[in-house]
Amino acid sequence: MTPFFVMIKAQLGRAYEVANALADAEIASEIYSTAGDYDLLVKFYVDRDADIGHFVNEKVHSIPGILDTKTIITFKAF
């Protein structure tokens, strides 16, 4: 499995609604509230051969209340 993170900016007043929708969809491994430019930091796992861009586009962007996302792809450095 390949882990990656998505920082999510929600519409004003909808961060908890977006977080609950992600939890209900059972697609996220971990969901955190954050302060700053983004409202949520969410950890996902996909199969090694899965396309992360398609996953984010189809599974994450389809959730109502999301204004913007920033995907952070991880890799093993050592």
N, C-alpha and C. Protein backbone atom coordinates (compact mmCIF):
# COMPACT_ATOMS: atom_id res chain seq x y z
N MET A 1 0.85 -1.19 0.00
CA MET A 1 0.00 0.00 0.00
C MET A 1 0.89 1.24 0.00
N THR A 2 0.40 2.27 -0.68
CA THR A 2 1.13 3.53 -0.77
C THR A 2 0.40 4.60 0.04
N PRO A 3 1.07 5.19 1.02
CA PRO A 3 0.43 6.26 1.79
C PRO A 3 0.62 7.61 1.11
N PHE A 4 -0.35 8.49 1.30
CA PHE A 4 -0.22 9.88 0.87
C PHE A 4 -1.16 10.72 1.70
N PHE A 5 -0.93 12.01 1.68
CA PHE A 5 -1.72 12.95 2.48
C PHE A 5 -2.40 13.96 1.57
N VAL A 6 -3.57 14.41 1.99
CA VAL A 6 -4.26 15.48 1.28
C VAL A 6 -4.62 16.55 2.30
N MET A 7 -4.17 17.77 2.01
CA MET A 7 -4.57 18.92 2.82
C MET A 7 -5.84 19.48 2.16
N ILE A 8 -6.86 19.71 2.97
CA ILE A 8 -8.16 20.12 2.45
C ILE A 8 -8.58 21.47 3.01
N LYS A 9 -8.97 22.35 2.12
CA LYS A 9 -9.56 23.63 2.51
C LYS A 9 -11.07 23.50 2.28
N ALA A 10 -11.84 23.68 3.35
CA ALA A 10 -13.29 23.55 3.28
C ALA A 10 -13.95 24.92 3.15
N GLN A 11 -15.18 24.92 2.67
CA GLN A 11 -15.96 26.14 2.67
C GLN A 11 -16.14 26.58 4.12
N LEU A 12 -16.27 27.88 4.34
CA LEU A 12 -16.40 28.41 5.69
C LEU A 12 -17.51 27.70 6.45
N GLY A 13 -17.18 27.24 7.66
CA GLY A 13 -18.16 26.59 8.52
C GLY A 13 -18.48 25.15 8.17
N ARG A 14 -17.75 24.56 7.21
CA ARG A 14 -18.09 23.20 6.78
C ARG A 14 -16.97 22.19 7.02
N ALA A 15 -15.93 22.55 7.76
CA ALA A 15 -14.80 21.64 7.96
C ALA A 15 -15.23 20.35 8.66
N TYR A 16 -16.06 20.46 9.68
CA TYR A 16 -16.49 19.26 10.40
C TYR A 16 -17.40 18.41 9.53
N GLU A 17 -18.21 19.04 8.71
CA GLU A 17 -19.08 18.32 7.78
C GLU A 17 -18.24 17.52 6.77
N VAL A 18 -17.20 18.16 6.25
CA VAL A 18 -16.30 17.47 5.31
C VAL A 18 -15.58 16.32 6.02
N ALA A 19 -15.08 16.55 7.21
CA ALA A 19 -14.39 15.50 7.97
C ALA A 19 -15.32 14.32 8.24
N ASN A 20 -16.56 14.60 8.61
CA ASN A 20 -17.53 13.53 8.86
C ASN A 20 -17.85 12.76 7.58
N ALA A 21 -17.95 13.46 6.46
CA ALA A 21 -18.22 12.79 5.18
C ALA A 21 -17.06 11.87 4.79
N LEU A 22 -15.83 12.32 5.02
CA LEU A 22 -14.67 11.46 4.76
C LEU A 22 -14.68 10.23 5.65
N ALA A 23 -15.00 10.42 6.92
CA ALA A 23 -15.06 9.29 7.86
C ALA A 23 -16.17 8.32 7.46
N ASP A 24 -17.33 8.85 7.09
CA ASP A 24 -18.45 8.01 6.69
C ASP A 24 -18.15 7.22 5.42
N ALA A 25 -17.36 7.80 4.51
CA ALA A 25 -17.00 7.13 3.26
C ALA A 25 -15.99 6.00 3.48
N GLU A 26 -15.35 5.99 4.65
CA GLU A 26 -14.37 4.97 5.02
C GLU A 26 -13.25 4.84 3.99
N ILE A 27 -12.76 5.99 3.51
CA ILE A 27 -11.66 6.00 2.55
C ILE A 27 -10.37 6.55 3.15
N ALA A 28 -10.47 7.17 4.32
CA ALA A 28 -9.32 7.79 4.96
C ALA A 28 -8.80 6.93 6.10
N SER A 29 -7.49 6.93 6.25
CA SER A 29 -6.87 6.22 7.36
C SER A 29 -6.91 7.07 8.63
N GLU A 30 -6.58 8.38 8.48
CA GLU A 30 -6.57 9.31 9.61
C GLU A 30 -7.04 10.67 9.12
N ILE A 31 -7.75 11.39 10.00
CA ILE A 31 -8.26 12.73 9.67
C ILE A 31 -7.92 13.65 10.84
N TYR A 32 -7.26 14.77 10.52
CA TYR A 32 -6.87 15.74 11.55
C TYR A 32 -7.36 17.13 11.18
N SER A 33 -7.81 17.89 12.16
CA SER A 33 -8.08 19.31 11.97
C SER A 33 -6.74 20.04 12.07
N THR A 34 -6.58 21.09 11.27
CA THR A 34 -5.34 21.86 11.29
C THR A 34 -5.65 23.35 11.33
N ALA A 35 -4.68 24.13 11.73
CA ALA A 35 -4.79 25.59 11.70
C ALA A 35 -3.92 26.09 10.56
N GLY A 36 -4.33 27.19 9.96
CA GLY A 36 -3.54 27.77 8.88
C GLY A 36 -4.32 27.82 7.59
N ASP A 37 -3.62 27.61 6.48
CA ASP A 37 -4.23 27.74 5.16
C ASP A 37 -5.23 26.64 4.84
N TYR A 38 -5.06 25.48 5.44
CA TYR A 38 -5.95 24.35 5.20
C TYR A 38 -6.63 23.94 6.49
N ASP A 39 -7.80 23.34 6.37
CA ASP A 39 -8.61 22.97 7.54
C ASP A 39 -8.39 21.55 8.01
N LEU A 40 -8.06 20.66 7.08
CA LEU A 40 -7.92 19.24 7.41
C LEU A 40 -6.65 18.67 6.79
N LEU A 41 -6.05 17.72 7.47
CA LEU A 41 -4.95 16.92 6.93
C LEU A 41 -5.42 15.48 7.01
N VAL A 42 -5.48 14.82 5.85
CA VAL A 42 -6.06 13.48 5.78
C VAL A 42 -5.05 12.51 5.18
N LYS A 43 -4.89 11.36 5.83
CA LYS A 43 -3.98 10.33 5.35
C LYS A 43 -4.79 9.23 4.66
N PHE A 44 -4.33 8.87 3.46
CA PHE A 44 -4.96 7.81 2.68
C PHE A 44 -3.94 6.75 2.33
N TYR A 45 -4.43 5.56 2.01
CA TYR A 45 -3.61 4.49 1.45
C TYR A 45 -4.29 4.00 0.19
N VAL A 46 -3.48 3.75 -0.84
CA VAL A 46 -3.99 3.12 -2.06
C VAL A 46 -3.05 1.97 -2.42
N ASP A 47 -3.54 1.06 -3.25
CA ASP A 47 -2.69 -0.02 -3.73
C ASP A 47 -1.50 0.57 -4.50
N ARG A 48 -0.40 -0.15 -4.51
CA ARG A 48 0.83 0.36 -5.16
C ARG A 48 0.61 0.74 -6.62
N ASP A 49 -0.24 0.04 -7.32
CA ASP A 49 -0.45 0.32 -8.73
C ASP A 49 -1.61 1.29 -8.99
N ALA A 50 -2.24 1.79 -7.93
CA ALA A 50 -3.37 2.72 -8.09
C ALA A 50 -2.88 4.11 -8.47
N ASP A 51 -3.70 4.83 -9.20
CA ASP A 51 -3.39 6.20 -9.60
C ASP A 51 -3.92 7.16 -8.52
N ILE A 52 -3.01 7.82 -7.83
CA ILE A 52 -3.39 8.71 -6.73
C ILE A 52 -4.24 9.86 -7.23
N GLY A 53 -3.89 10.41 -8.38
CA GLY A 53 -4.66 11.51 -8.95
C GLY A 53 -6.11 11.14 -9.21
N HIS A 54 -6.33 9.96 -9.76
CA HIS A 54 -7.70 9.50 -10.00
C HIS A 54 -8.44 9.28 -8.69
N PHE A 55 -7.74 8.72 -7.71
CA PHE A 55 -8.35 8.49 -6.40
C PHE A 55 -8.82 9.81 -5.80
N VAL A 56 -7.94 10.80 -5.77
CA VAL A 56 -8.29 12.10 -5.18
C VAL A 56 -9.44 12.74 -5.96
N ASN A 57 -9.36 12.70 -7.29
CA ASN A 57 -10.39 13.30 -8.13
C ASN A 57 -11.75 12.63 -7.92
N GLU A 58 -11.78 11.32 -7.87
CA GLU A 58 -13.04 10.58 -7.80
C GLU A 58 -13.58 10.43 -6.38
N LYS A 59 -12.71 10.22 -5.40
CA LYS A 59 -13.16 9.92 -4.04
C LYS A 59 -13.18 11.12 -3.12
N VAL A 60 -12.21 12.03 -3.27
CA VAL A 60 -12.09 13.16 -2.34
C VAL A 60 -12.82 14.39 -2.88
N HIS A 61 -12.52 14.76 -4.12
CA HIS A 61 -13.13 15.97 -4.68
C HIS A 61 -14.64 15.88 -4.81
N SER A 62 -15.18 14.71 -4.78
CA SER A 62 -16.64 14.54 -4.91
C SER A 62 -17.38 14.86 -3.60
N ILE A 63 -16.66 15.08 -2.52
CA ILE A 63 -17.30 15.37 -1.23
C ILE A 63 -17.71 16.84 -1.19
N PRO A 64 -18.98 17.11 -0.93
CA PRO A 64 -19.45 18.50 -0.88
C PRO A 64 -18.76 19.30 0.23
N GLY A 65 -18.49 20.57 -0.06
CA GLY A 65 -17.90 21.45 0.94
C GLY A 65 -16.42 21.66 0.80
N ILE A 66 -15.77 20.95 -0.13
CA ILE A 66 -14.33 21.11 -0.33
C ILE A 66 -14.08 22.21 -1.35
N LEU A 67 -13.24 23.18 -0.96
CA LEU A 67 -12.87 24.27 -1.86
C LEU A 67 -11.57 24.00 -2.60
N ASP A 68 -10.59 23.42 -1.91
CA ASP A 68 -9.27 23.25 -2.49
C ASP A 68 -8.57 22.10 -1.79
N THR A 69 -7.64 21.47 -2.51
CA THR A 69 -6.84 20.40 -1.91
C THR A 69 -5.39 20.55 -2.34
N LYS A 70 -4.52 19.97 -1.54
CA LYS A 70 -3.09 19.88 -1.88
C LYS A 70 -2.66 18.47 -1.51
N THR A 71 -2.22 17.73 -2.50
CA THR A 71 -1.83 16.33 -2.29
C THR A 71 -0.32 16.25 -2.04
N ILE A 72 0.04 15.50 -1.01
CA ILE A 72 1.44 15.29 -0.66
C ILE A 72 1.74 13.80 -0.79
N ILE A 73 2.57 13.48 -1.77
CA ILE A 73 2.93 12.10 -2.02
C ILE A 73 4.18 11.78 -1.21
N THR A 74 4.17 10.66 -0.53
CA THR A 74 5.28 10.28 0.33
C THR A 74 6.15 9.24 -0.36
N PHE A 75 7.39 9.12 0.11
CA PHE A 75 8.30 8.12 -0.41
C PHE A 75 9.30 7.76 0.69
N LYS A 76 9.90 6.63 0.54
CA LYS A 76 10.89 6.19 1.51
C LYS A 76 12.23 6.80 1.12
N ALA A 77 12.76 7.63 2.00
CA ALA A 77 14.01 8.34 1.72
C ALA A 77 15.25 7.51 2.05
N PHE A 78 15.12 6.55 2.93
CA PHE A 78 16.29 5.80 3.37
C PHE A 78 16.07 4.31 3.22
